[in-house]
Amino acid sequence: MRRPPPTEKGVVTINYIIESLPDRGRSCWHLGAVWALSQFQENELFLGMYTDEHFIEKPVKNAMKKFRKKLDEISNIIKERNKNKKLPYYYFSPDRIPNSVAV
């Protein structure tokens, strides 16, 4: 916002609101930043996906398999819920959550 919030009730006019809103350049910059940060990379790894064989122990591999199976079940439930919705919500679907600290 470009102006401080009002300190009294009932004194705000439409001009005050318009003057308080960010200008076009600043709005475009923020929209561009949000768009860039919300895109997936070509080689994006999602929750439960691992490129290297960091874990070689059988109990760990079994736990990872069980974890991936549960993630698939959750993804399928979310897909089913979204089937008939005008505006589906996929943001917490495990197949759309990057396997990264930069979530």
PDB file of N, CA and C in Angstrom:
ATOM      1  N   MET A   1       0.836  -1.171   0.000  1.00  0.00           N
ATOM      2  CA  MET A   1       0.000   0.000   0.000  1.00  0.00           C
ATOM      3  C   MET A   1       0.890   1.247   0.000  1.00  0.00           C
ATOM      4  N   ARG A   2       0.399   2.295  -0.606  1.00  0.00           N
ATOM      5  CA  ARG A   2       1.208   3.512  -0.721  1.00  0.00           C
ATOM      6  C   ARG A   2       0.883   4.564   0.331  1.00  0.00           C
ATOM      7  N   ARG A   3      -0.187   4.386   1.082  1.00  0.00           N
ATOM      8  CA  ARG A   3      -0.537   5.351   2.117  1.00  0.00           C
ATOM      9  C   ARG A   3      -0.750   4.608   3.423  1.00  0.00           C
ATOM     10  N   PRO A   4      -0.541   5.279   4.541  1.00  0.00           N
ATOM     11  CA  PRO A   4      -0.765   4.611   5.831  1.00  0.00           C
ATOM     12  C   PRO A   4      -2.258   4.362   6.053  1.00  0.00           C
ATOM     13  N   PRO A   5      -2.579   3.395   6.890  1.00  0.00           N
ATOM     14  CA  PRO A   5      -3.991   3.146   7.176  1.00  0.00           C
ATOM     15  C   PRO A   5      -4.608   4.339   7.906  1.00  0.00           C
ATOM     16  N   PRO A   6      -5.901   4.557   7.715  1.00  0.00           N
ATOM     17  CA  PRO A   6      -6.541   5.684   8.411  1.00  0.00           C
ATOM     18  C   PRO A   6      -6.533   5.461   9.924  1.00  0.00           C
ATOM     19  N   THR A   7      -6.504   6.549  10.647  1.00  0.00           N
ATOM     20  CA  THR A   7      -6.484   6.466  12.112  1.00  0.00           C
ATOM     21  C   THR A   7      -7.855   6.759  12.717  1.00  0.00           C
ATOM     22  N   GLU A   8      -8.791   7.191  11.875  1.00  0.00           N
ATOM     23  CA  GLU A   8     -10.146   7.477  12.344  1.00  0.00           C
ATOM     24  C   GLU A   8     -11.147   6.739  11.473  1.00  0.00           C
ATOM     25  N   LYS A   9     -12.285   6.416  12.034  1.00  0.00           N
ATOM     26  CA  LYS A   9     -13.347   5.751  11.278  1.00  0.00           C
ATOM     27  C   LYS A   9     -14.163   6.791  10.517  1.00  0.00           C
ATOM     28  N   GLY A  10     -14.629   6.392   9.322  1.00  0.00           N
ATOM     29  CA  GLY A  10     -15.553   7.221   8.561  1.00  0.00           C
ATOM     30  C   GLY A  10     -14.933   8.355   7.767  1.00  0.00           C
ATOM     31  N   VAL A  11     -13.602   8.431   7.683  1.00  0.00           N
ATOM     32  CA  VAL A  11     -12.979   9.534   6.940  1.00  0.00           C
ATOM     33  C   VAL A  11     -12.423   9.094   5.590  1.00  0.00           C
ATOM     34  N   VAL A  12     -12.508   7.823   5.284  1.00  0.00           N
ATOM     35  CA  VAL A  12     -11.925   7.304   4.045  1.00  0.00           C
ATOM     36  C   VAL A  12     -12.869   7.569   2.879  1.00  0.00           C
ATOM     37  N   THR A  13     -12.304   8.097   1.814  1.00  0.00           N
ATOM     38  CA  THR A  13     -13.062   8.334   0.582  1.00  0.00           C
ATOM     39  C   THR A  13     -12.561   7.376  -0.483  1.00  0.00           C
ATOM     40  N   ILE A  14     -13.273   7.322  -1.596  1.00  0.00           N
ATOM     41  CA  ILE A  14     -12.846   6.468  -2.710  1.00  0.00           C
ATOM     42  C   ILE A  14     -11.490   6.925  -3.242  1.00  0.00           C
ATOM     43  N   ASN A  15     -11.230   8.214  -3.258  1.00  0.00           N
ATOM     44  CA  ASN A  15      -9.922   8.721  -3.711  1.00  0.00           C
ATOM     45  C   ASN A  15      -8.800   8.259  -2.789  1.00  0.00           C
ATOM     46  N   TYR A  16      -9.060   8.251  -1.480  1.00  0.00           N
ATOM     47  CA  TYR A  16      -8.055   7.779  -0.524  1.00  0.00           C
ATOM     48  C   TYR A  16      -7.717   6.317  -0.798  1.00  0.00           C
ATOM     49  N   ILE A  17      -8.744   5.523  -1.059  1.00  0.00           N
ATOM     50  CA  ILE A  17      -8.535   4.097  -1.352  1.00  0.00           C
ATOM     51  C   ILE A  17      -7.720   3.938  -2.627  1.00  0.00           C
ATOM     52  N   ILE A  18      -8.088   4.652  -3.678  1.00  0.00           N
ATOM     53  CA  ILE A  18      -7.378   4.556  -4.957  1.00  0.00           C
ATOM     54  C   ILE A  18      -5.927   4.991  -4.803  1.00  0.00           C
ATOM     55  N   GLU A  19      -5.700   6.073  -4.056  1.00  0.00           N
ATOM     56  CA  GLU A  19      -4.325   6.547  -3.844  1.00  0.00           C
ATOM     57  C   GLU A  19      -3.516   5.581  -2.976  1.00  0.00           C
ATOM     58  N   SER A  20      -4.188   4.768  -2.176  1.00  0.00           N
ATOM     59  CA  SER A  20      -3.499   3.816  -1.310  1.00  0.00           C
ATOM     60  C   SER A  20      -3.062   2.559  -2.044  1.00  0.00           C
ATOM     61  N   LEU A  21      -3.766   2.205  -3.108  1.00  0.00           N
ATOM     62  CA  LEU A  21      -3.464   0.971  -3.834  1.00  0.00           C
ATOM     63  C   LEU A  21      -2.107   1.062  -4.536  1.00  0.00           C
ATOM     64  N   PRO A  22      -1.424  -0.062  -4.708  1.00  0.00           N
ATOM     65  CA  PRO A  22      -0.126  -0.044  -5.403  1.00  0.00           C
ATOM     66  C   PRO A  22      -0.300   0.403  -6.858  1.00  0.00           C
ATOM     67  N   ASP A  23       0.737   1.033  -7.385  1.00  0.00           N
ATOM     68  CA  ASP A  23       0.660   1.465  -8.792  1.00  0.00           C
ATOM     69  C   ASP A  23       0.782   0.258  -9.717  1.00  0.00           C
ATOM     70  N   ARG A  24       0.551   0.478 -10.997  1.00  0.00           N
ATOM     71  CA  ARG A  24       0.533  -0.611 -11.984  1.00  0.00           C
ATOM     72  C   ARG A  24       1.871  -1.343 -12.052  1.00  0.00           C
ATOM     73  N   GLY A  25       2.961  -0.611 -12.051  1.00  0.00           N
ATOM     74  CA  GLY A  25       4.286  -1.237 -12.147  1.00  0.00           C
ATOM     75  C   GLY A  25       4.569  -2.164 -10.985  1.00  0.00           C
ATOM     76  N   ARG A  26       4.276  -1.693  -9.779  1.00  0.00           N
ATOM     77  CA  ARG A  26       4.511  -2.505  -8.575  1.00  0.00           C
ATOM     78  C   ARG A  26       3.604  -3.741  -8.578  1.00  0.00           C
ATOM     79  N   SER A  27       2.351  -3.552  -8.985  1.00  0.00           N
ATOM     80  CA  SER A  27       1.417  -4.686  -9.046  1.00  0.00           C
ATOM     81  C   SER A  27       1.901  -5.729 -10.039  1.00  0.00           C
ATOM     82  N   CYS A  28       2.358  -5.282 -11.210  1.00  0.00           N
ATOM     83  CA  CYS A  28       2.865  -6.210 -12.232  1.00  0.00           C
ATOM     84  C   CYS A  28       4.090  -6.960 -11.724  1.00  0.00           C
ATOM     85  N   TRP A  29       4.975  -6.262 -11.022  1.00  0.00           N
ATOM     86  CA  TRP A  29       6.176  -6.908 -10.492  1.00  0.00           C
ATOM     87  C   TRP A  29       5.785  -8.014  -9.522  1.00  0.00           C
ATOM     88  N   HIS A  30       4.852  -7.730  -8.621  1.00  0.00           N
ATOM     89  CA  HIS A  30       4.432  -8.728  -7.634  1.00  0.00           C
ATOM     90  C   HIS A  30       3.728  -9.902  -8.304  1.00  0.00           C
ATOM     91  N   LEU A  31       2.876  -9.626  -9.272  1.00  0.00           N
ATOM     92  CA  LEU A  31       2.211 -10.722  -9.984  1.00  0.00           C
ATOM     93  C   LEU A  31       3.230 -11.604 -10.703  1.00  0.00           C
ATOM     94  N   GLY A  32       4.229 -10.989 -11.320  1.00  0.00           N
ATOM     95  CA  GLY A  32       5.271 -11.750 -11.999  1.00  0.00           C
ATOM     96  C   GLY A  32       6.070 -12.617 -11.039  1.00  0.00           C
ATOM     97  N   ALA A  33       6.386 -12.062  -9.882  1.00  0.00           N
ATOM     98  CA  ALA A  33       7.141 -12.822  -8.880  1.00  0.00           C
ATOM     99  C   ALA A  33       6.328 -14.006  -8.373  1.00  0.00           C
ATOM    100  N   VAL A  34       5.055 -13.790  -8.083  1.00  0.00           N
ATOM    101  CA  VAL A  34       4.196 -14.875  -7.605  1.00  0.00           C
ATOM    102  C   VAL A  34       4.061 -15.946  -8.680  1.00  0.00           C
ATOM    103  N   TRP A  35       3.890 -15.529  -9.920  1.00  0.00           N
ATOM    104  CA  TRP A  35       3.762 -16.504 -11.015  1.00  0.00           C
ATOM    105  C   TRP A  35       5.043 -17.333 -11.129  1.00  0.00           C
ATOM    106  N   ALA A  36       6.204 -16.675 -11.129  1.00  0.00           N
ATOM    107  CA  ALA A  36       7.475 -17.389 -11.271  1.00  0.00           C
ATOM    108  C   ALA A  36       7.695 -18.373 -10.125  1.00  0.00           C
ATOM    109  N   LEU A  37       7.351 -17.977  -8.924  1.00  0.00           N
ATOM    110  CA  LEU A  37       7.559 -18.845  -7.772  1.00  0.00           C
ATOM    111  C   LEU A  37       6.572 -20.007  -7.702  1.00  0.00           C
ATOM    112  N   SER A  38       5.475 -19.917  -8.454  1.00  0.00           N
ATOM    113  CA  SER A  38       4.466 -20.976  -8.398  1.00  0.00           C
ATOM    114  C   SER A  38       4.603 -21.996  -9.521  1.00  0.00           C
ATOM    115  N   GLN A  39       5.604 -21.842 -10.382  1.00  0.00           N
ATOM    116  CA  GLN A  39       5.805 -22.764 -11.499  1.00  0.00           C
ATOM    117  C   GLN A  39       6.690 -23.936 -11.086  1.00  0.00           C
ATOM    118  N   PHE A  40       6.433 -25.092 -11.698  1.00  0.00           N
ATOM    119  CA  PHE A  40       7.268 -26.261 -11.450  1.00  0.00           C
ATOM    120  C   PHE A  40       8.416 -26.282 -12.452  1.00  0.00           C
ATOM    121  N   GLN A  41       9.542 -26.847 -12.044  1.00  0.00           N
ATOM    122  CA  GLN A  41      10.676 -27.014 -12.949  1.00  0.00           C
ATOM    123  C   GLN A  41      10.445 -28.243 -13.826  1.00  0.00           C
ATOM    124  N   GLU A  42      11.171 -28.322 -14.942  1.00  0.00           N
ATOM    125  CA  GLU A  42      11.031 -29.473 -15.848  1.00  0.00           C
ATOM    126  C   GLU A  42      11.347 -30.789 -15.148  1.00  0.00           C
ATOM    127  N   ASN A  43      12.373 -30.781 -14.336  1.00  0.00           N
ATOM    128  CA  ASN A  43      12.814 -32.017 -13.670  1.00  0.00           C
ATOM    129  C   ASN A  43      12.396 -32.039 -12.196  1.00  0.00           C
ATOM    130  N   GLU A  44      11.267 -31.442 -11.892  1.00  0.00           N
ATOM    131  CA  GLU A  44      10.778 -31.344 -10.509  1.00  0.00           C
ATOM    132  C   GLU A  44      10.529 -32.728  -9.912  1.00  0.00           C
ATOM    133  N   LEU A  45      10.973 -32.914  -8.696  1.00  0.00           N
ATOM    134  CA  LEU A  45      10.687 -34.137  -7.952  1.00  0.00           C
ATOM    135  C   LEU A  45       9.597 -33.816  -6.944  1.00  0.00           C
ATOM    136  N   PHE A  46       8.593 -34.678  -6.872  1.00  0.00           N
ATOM    137  CA  PHE A  46       7.484 -34.437  -5.972  1.00  0.00           C
ATOM    138  C   PHE A  46       7.589 -35.349  -4.755  1.00  0.00           C
ATOM    139  N   LEU A  47       6.761 -35.096  -3.779  1.00  0.00           N
ATOM    140  CA  LEU A  47       6.796 -35.797  -2.501  1.00  0.00           C
ATOM    141  C   LEU A  47       6.894 -37.310  -2.690  1.00  0.00           C
ATOM    142  N   GLY A  48       7.874 -37.919  -2.053  1.00  0.00           N
ATOM    143  CA  GLY A  48       8.065 -39.364  -2.136  1.00  0.00           C
ATOM    144  C   GLY A  48       8.970 -39.810  -3.264  1.00  0.00           C
ATOM    145  N   MET A  49       9.405 -38.885  -4.113  1.00  0.00           N
ATOM    146  CA  MET A  49      10.294 -39.239  -5.236  1.00  0.00           C
ATOM    147  C   MET A  49      11.740 -38.930  -4.841  1.00  0.00           C
ATOM    148  N   TYR A  50      12.623 -39.873  -5.110  1.00  0.00           N
ATOM    149  CA  TYR A  50      14.040 -39.696  -4.789  1.00  0.00           C
ATOM    150  C   TYR A  50      14.856 -40.127  -6.000  1.00  0.00           C
ATOM    151  N   THR A  51      15.845 -39.324  -6.402  1.00  0.00           N
ATOM    152  CA  THR A  51      16.633 -39.641  -7.589  1.00  0.00           C
ATOM    153  C   THR A  51      17.711 -40.679  -7.312  1.00  0.00           C
ATOM    154  N   ASP A  52      18.420 -40.518  -6.235  1.00  0.00           N
ATOM    155  CA  ASP A  52      19.545 -41.403  -5.924  1.00  0.00           C
ATOM    156  C   ASP A  52      19.119 -42.493  -4.957  1.00  0.00           C
ATOM    157  N   GLU A  53      19.882 -43.537  -4.934  1.00  0.00           N
ATOM    158  CA  GLU A  53      19.631 -44.607  -3.976  1.00  0.00           C
ATOM    159  C   GLU A  53      20.328 -44.268  -2.656  1.00  0.00           C
ATOM    160  N   HIS A  54      19.765 -43.307  -1.934  1.00  0.00           N
ATOM    161  CA  HIS A  54      20.325 -42.917  -0.634  1.00  0.00           C
ATOM    162  C   HIS A  54      20.083 -43.993   0.409  1.00  0.00           C
ATOM    163  N   PHE A  55      19.005 -44.741   0.216  1.00  0.00           N
ATOM    164  CA  PHE A  55      18.604 -45.722   1.209  1.00  0.00           C
ATOM    165  C   PHE A  55      18.690 -47.112   0.595  1.00  0.00           C
ATOM    166  N   ILE A  56      19.504 -47.979   1.179  1.00  0.00           N
ATOM    167  CA  ILE A  56      19.668 -49.316   0.612  1.00  0.00           C
ATOM    168  C   ILE A  56      19.160 -50.416   1.551  1.00  0.00           C
ATOM    169  N   GLU A  57      18.862 -50.044   2.793  1.00  0.00           N
ATOM    170  CA  GLU A  57      18.400 -51.041   3.755  1.00  0.00           C
ATOM    171  C   GLU A  57      16.980 -51.480   3.420  1.00  0.00           C
ATOM    172  N   LYS A  58      16.722 -52.772   3.533  1.00  0.00           N
ATOM    173  CA  LYS A  58      15.415 -53.321   3.173  1.00  0.00           C
ATOM    174  C   LYS A  58      14.271 -52.712   3.995  1.00  0.00           C
ATOM    175  N   PRO A  59      14.393 -52.569   5.324  1.00  0.00           N
ATOM    176  CA  PRO A  59      13.293 -51.962   6.079  1.00  0.00           C
ATOM    177  C   PRO A  59      12.978 -50.527   5.626  1.00  0.00           C
ATOM    178  N   VAL A  60      14.024 -49.788   5.278  1.00  0.00           N
ATOM    179  CA  VAL A  60      13.824 -48.410   4.812  1.00  0.00           C
ATOM    180  C   VAL A  60      13.128 -48.415   3.449  1.00  0.00           C
ATOM    181  N   LYS A  61      13.563 -49.304   2.550  1.00  0.00           N
ATOM    182  CA  LYS A  61      12.919 -49.398   1.233  1.00  0.00           C
ATOM    183  C   LYS A  61      11.449 -49.784   1.370  1.00  0.00           C
ATOM    184  N   ASN A  62      11.149 -50.697   2.299  1.00  0.00           N
ATOM    185  CA  ASN A  62       9.753 -51.080   2.532  1.00  0.00           C
ATOM    186  C   ASN A  62       8.938 -49.900   3.070  1.00  0.00           C
ATOM    187  N   ALA A  63       9.534 -49.132   3.969  1.00  0.00           N
ATOM    188  CA  ALA A  63       8.850 -47.957   4.514  1.00  0.00           C
ATOM    189  C   ALA A  63       8.599 -46.934   3.405  1.00  0.00           C
ATOM    190  N   MET A  64       9.570 -46.756   2.511  1.00  0.00           N
ATOM    191  CA  MET A  64       9.396 -45.818   1.395  1.00  0.00           C
ATOM    192  C   MET A  64       8.286 -46.292   0.459  1.00  0.00           C
ATOM    193  N   LYS A  65       8.236 -47.584   0.205  1.00  0.00           N
ATOM    194  CA  LYS A  65       7.189 -48.143  -0.656  1.00  0.00           C
ATOM    195  C   LYS A  65       5.809 -47.904  -0.031  1.00  0.00           C
ATOM    196  N   LYS A  66       5.710 -48.138   1.284  1.00  0.00           N
ATOM    197  CA  LYS A  66       4.454 -47.921   2.004  1.00  0.00           C
ATOM    198  C   LYS A  66       4.066 -46.436   1.971  1.00  0.00           C
ATOM    199  N   PHE A  67       5.060 -45.569   2.136  1.00  0.00           N
ATOM    200  CA  PHE A  67       4.839 -44.123   2.100  1.00  0.00           C
ATOM    201  C   PHE A  67       4.319 -43.699   0.729  1.00  0.00           C
ATOM    202  N   ARG A  68       4.950 -44.169  -0.344  1.00  0.00           N
ATOM    203  CA  ARG A  68       4.508 -43.835  -1.707  1.00  0.00           C
ATOM    204  C   ARG A  68       3.100 -44.341  -1.979  1.00  0.00           C
ATOM    205  N   LYS A  69       2.784 -45.539  -1.477  1.00  0.00           N
ATOM    206  CA  LYS A  69       1.444 -46.102  -1.666  1.00  0.00           C
ATOM    207  C   LYS A  69       0.402 -45.212  -0.985  1.00  0.00           C
ATOM    208  N   LYS A  70       0.710 -44.770   0.232  1.00  0.00           N
ATOM    209  CA  LYS A  70      -0.213 -43.885   0.955  1.00  0.00           C
ATOM    210  C   LYS A  70      -0.366 -42.549   0.223  1.00  0.00           C
ATOM    211  N   LEU A  71       0.723 -42.020  -0.314  1.00  0.00           N
ATOM    212  CA  LEU A  71       0.656 -40.775  -1.085  1.00  0.00           C
ATOM    213  C   LEU A  71      -0.221 -40.947  -2.323  1.00  0.00           C
ATOM    214  N   ASP A  72      -0.097 -42.089  -3.003  1.00  0.00           N
ATOM    215  CA  ASP A  72      -0.944 -42.371  -4.168  1.00  0.00           C
ATOM    216  C   ASP A  72      -2.417 -42.431  -3.782  1.00  0.00           C
ATOM    217  N   GLU A  73      -2.706 -43.061  -2.646  1.00  0.00           N
ATOM    218  CA  GLU A  73      -4.087 -43.139  -2.161  1.00  0.00           C
ATOM    219  C   GLU A  73      -4.641 -41.739  -1.899  1.00  0.00           C
ATOM    220  N   ILE A  74      -3.853 -40.901  -1.262  1.00  0.00           N
ATOM    221  CA  ILE A  74      -4.284 -39.529  -0.963  1.00  0.00           C
ATOM    222  C   ILE A  74      -4.510 -38.750  -2.256  1.00  0.00           C
ATOM    223  N   SER A  75      -3.588 -38.886  -3.213  1.00  0.00           N
ATOM    224  CA  SER A  75      -3.736 -38.207  -4.505  1.00  0.00           C
ATOM    225  C   SER A  75      -5.016 -38.638  -5.205  1.00  0.00           C
ATOM    226  N   ASN A  76      -5.313 -39.935  -5.173  1.00  0.00           N
ATOM    227  CA  ASN A  76      -6.525 -40.448  -5.819  1.00  0.00           C
ATOM    228  C   ASN A  76      -7.788 -39.922  -5.133  1.00  0.00           C
ATOM    229  N   ILE A  77      -7.771 -39.824  -3.822  1.00  0.00           N
ATOM    230  CA  ILE A  77      -8.918 -39.273  -3.093  1.00  0.00           C
ATOM    231  C   ILE A  77      -9.151 -37.817  -3.506  1.00  0.00           C
ATOM    232  N   ILE A  78      -8.075 -37.056  -3.579  1.00  0.00           N
ATOM    233  CA  ILE A  78      -8.188 -35.647  -3.961  1.00  0.00           C
ATOM    234  C   ILE A  78      -8.694 -35.528  -5.395  1.00  0.00           C
ATOM    235  N   LYS A  79      -8.170 -36.351  -6.314  1.00  0.00           N
ATOM    236  CA  LYS A  79      -8.649 -36.328  -7.700  1.00  0.00           C
ATOM    237  C   LYS A  79     -10.132 -36.656  -7.778  1.00  0.00           C
ATOM    238  N   GLU A  80     -10.564 -37.629  -6.995  1.00  0.00           N
ATOM    239  CA  GLU A  80     -11.982 -38.019  -6.984  1.00  0.00           C
ATOM    240  C   GLU A  80     -12.859 -36.883  -6.459  1.00  0.00           C
ATOM    241  N   ARG A  81     -12.421 -36.236  -5.396  1.00  0.00           N
ATOM    242  CA  ARG A  81     -13.182 -35.112  -4.836  1.00  0.00           C
ATOM    243  C   ARG A  81     -13.304 -33.958  -5.831  1.00  0.00           C
ATOM    244  N   ASN A  82     -12.259 -33.751  -6.614  1.00  0.00           N
ATOM    245  CA  ASN A  82     -12.230 -32.623  -7.538  1.00  0.00           C
ATOM    246  C   ASN A  82     -12.949 -32.882  -8.854  1.00  0.00           C
ATOM    247  N   LYS A  83     -13.356 -34.116  -9.099  1.00  0.00           N
ATOM    248  CA  LYS A  83     -13.940 -34.491 -10.388  1.00  0.00           C
ATOM    249  C   LYS A  83     -15.064 -33.568 -10.839  1.00  0.00           C
ATOM    250  N   ASN A  84     -16.024 -33.309  -9.985  1.00  0.00           N
ATOM    251  CA  ASN A  84     -17.212 -32.553 -10.370  1.00  0.00           C
ATOM    252  C   ASN A  84     -17.198 -31.108  -9.883  1.00  0.00           C
ATOM    253  N   LYS A  85     -16.058 -30.624  -9.489  1.00  0.00           N
ATOM    254  CA  LYS A  85     -15.981 -29.246  -8.998  1.00  0.00           C
ATOM    255  C   LYS A  85     -15.656 -28.286 -10.135  1.00  0.00           C
ATOM    256  N   LYS A  86     -16.273 -27.112 -10.093  1.00  0.00           N
ATOM    257  CA  LYS A  86     -15.979 -26.085 -11.093  1.00  0.00           C
ATOM    258  C   LYS A  86     -14.557 -25.569 -10.936  1.00  0.00           C
ATOM    259  N   LEU A  87     -14.118 -25.456  -9.699  1.00  0.00           N
ATOM    260  CA  LEU A  87     -12.777 -24.960  -9.417  1.00  0.00           C
ATOM    261  C   LEU A  87     -12.060 -25.984  -8.536  1.00  0.00           C
ATOM    262  N   PRO A  88     -11.402 -26.977  -9.162  1.00  0.00           N
ATOM    263  CA  PRO A  88     -10.731 -28.016  -8.369  1.00  0.00           C
ATOM    264  C   PRO A  88      -9.574 -27.443  -7.550  1.00  0.00           C
ATOM    265  N   TYR A  89      -9.309 -28.083  -6.440  1.00  0.00           N
ATOM    266  CA  TYR A  89      -8.238 -27.654  -5.539  1.00  0.00           C
ATOM    267  C   TYR A  89      -7.223 -28.786  -5.428  1.00  0.00           C
ATOM    268  N   TYR A  90      -6.061 -28.583  -6.041  1.00  0.00           N
ATOM    269  CA  TYR A  90      -5.016 -29.607  -6.093  1.00  0.00           C
ATOM    270  C   TYR A  90      -3.770 -29.251  -5.278  1.00  0.00           C
ATOM    271  N   TYR A  91      -3.761 -28.126  -4.617  1.00  0.00           N
ATOM    272  CA  TYR A  91      -2.525 -27.615  -4.040  1.00  0.00           C
ATOM    273  C   TYR A  91      -1.912 -28.482  -2.954  1.00  0.00           C
ATOM    274  N   PHE A  92      -2.705 -29.272  -2.252  1.00  0.00           N
ATOM    275  CA  PHE A  92      -2.141 -30.155  -1.229  1.00  0.00           C
ATOM    276  C   PHE A  92      -2.105 -31.602  -1.680  1.00  0.00           C
ATOM    277  N   SER A  93      -2.271 -31.826  -2.970  1.00  0.00           N
ATOM    278  CA  SER A  93      -2.166 -33.176  -3.496  1.00  0.00           C
ATOM    279  C   SER A  93      -0.687 -33.563  -3.510  1.00  0.00           C
ATOM    280  N   PRO A  94      -0.332 -34.723  -2.966  1.00  0.00           N
ATOM    281  CA  PRO A  94       1.084 -35.114  -2.888  1.00  0.00           C
ATOM    282  C   PRO A  94       1.800 -35.118  -4.239  1.00  0.00           C
ATOM    283  N   ASP A  95       1.058 -35.368  -5.323  1.00  0.00           N
ATOM    284  CA  ASP A  95       1.712 -35.370  -6.632  1.00  0.00           C
ATOM    285  C   ASP A  95       1.936 -33.961  -7.173  1.00  0.00           C
ATOM    286  N   ARG A  96       1.624 -32.935  -6.370  1.00  0.00           N
ATOM    287  CA  ARG A  96       1.867 -31.543  -6.753  1.00  0.00           C
ATOM    288  C   ARG A  96       2.692 -30.799  -5.706  1.00  0.00           C
ATOM    289  N   ILE A  97       3.194 -31.531  -4.709  1.00  0.00           N
ATOM    290  CA  ILE A  97       4.022 -30.915  -3.667  1.00  0.00           C
ATOM    291  C   ILE A  97       5.484 -31.242  -3.956  1.00  0.00           C
ATOM    292  N   PRO A  98       6.297 -30.246  -4.247  1.00  0.00           N
ATOM    293  CA  PRO A  98       7.708 -30.507  -4.531  1.00  0.00           C
ATOM    294  C   PRO A  98       8.419 -31.167  -3.353  1.00  0.00           C
ATOM    295  N   ASN A  99       9.304 -32.102  -3.666  1.00  0.00           N
ATOM    296  CA  ASN A  99      10.113 -32.781  -2.662  1.00  0.00           C
ATOM    297  C   ASN A  99      11.316 -31.878  -2.393  1.00  0.00           C
ATOM    298  N   SER A 100      11.067 -30.812  -1.659  1.00  0.00           N
ATOM    299  CA  SER A 100      12.074 -29.785  -1.504  1.00  0.00           C
ATOM    300  C   SER A 100      11.819 -29.000  -0.225  1.00  0.00           C
ATOM    301  N   VAL A 101      12.830 -28.306   0.225  1.00  0.00           N
ATOM    302  CA  VAL A 101      12.649 -27.432   1.370  1.00  0.00           C
ATOM    303  C   VAL A 101      12.046 -26.103   0.935  1.00  0.00           C
ATOM    304  N   ALA A 102      11.954 -25.866  -0.359  1.00  0.00           N
ATOM    305  CA  ALA A 102      11.461 -24.589  -0.893  1.00  0.00           C
ATOM    306  C   ALA A 102       9.979 -24.664  -1.252  1.00  0.00           C
ATOM    307  N   VAL A 103       9.187 -25.335  -0.425  1.00  0.00           N
ATOM    308  CA  VAL A 103       7.751 -25.447  -0.712  1.00  0.00           C
ATOM    309  C   VAL A 103       7.082 -24.138  -0.389  1.00  0.00           C
TER     310      VAL A 103
END
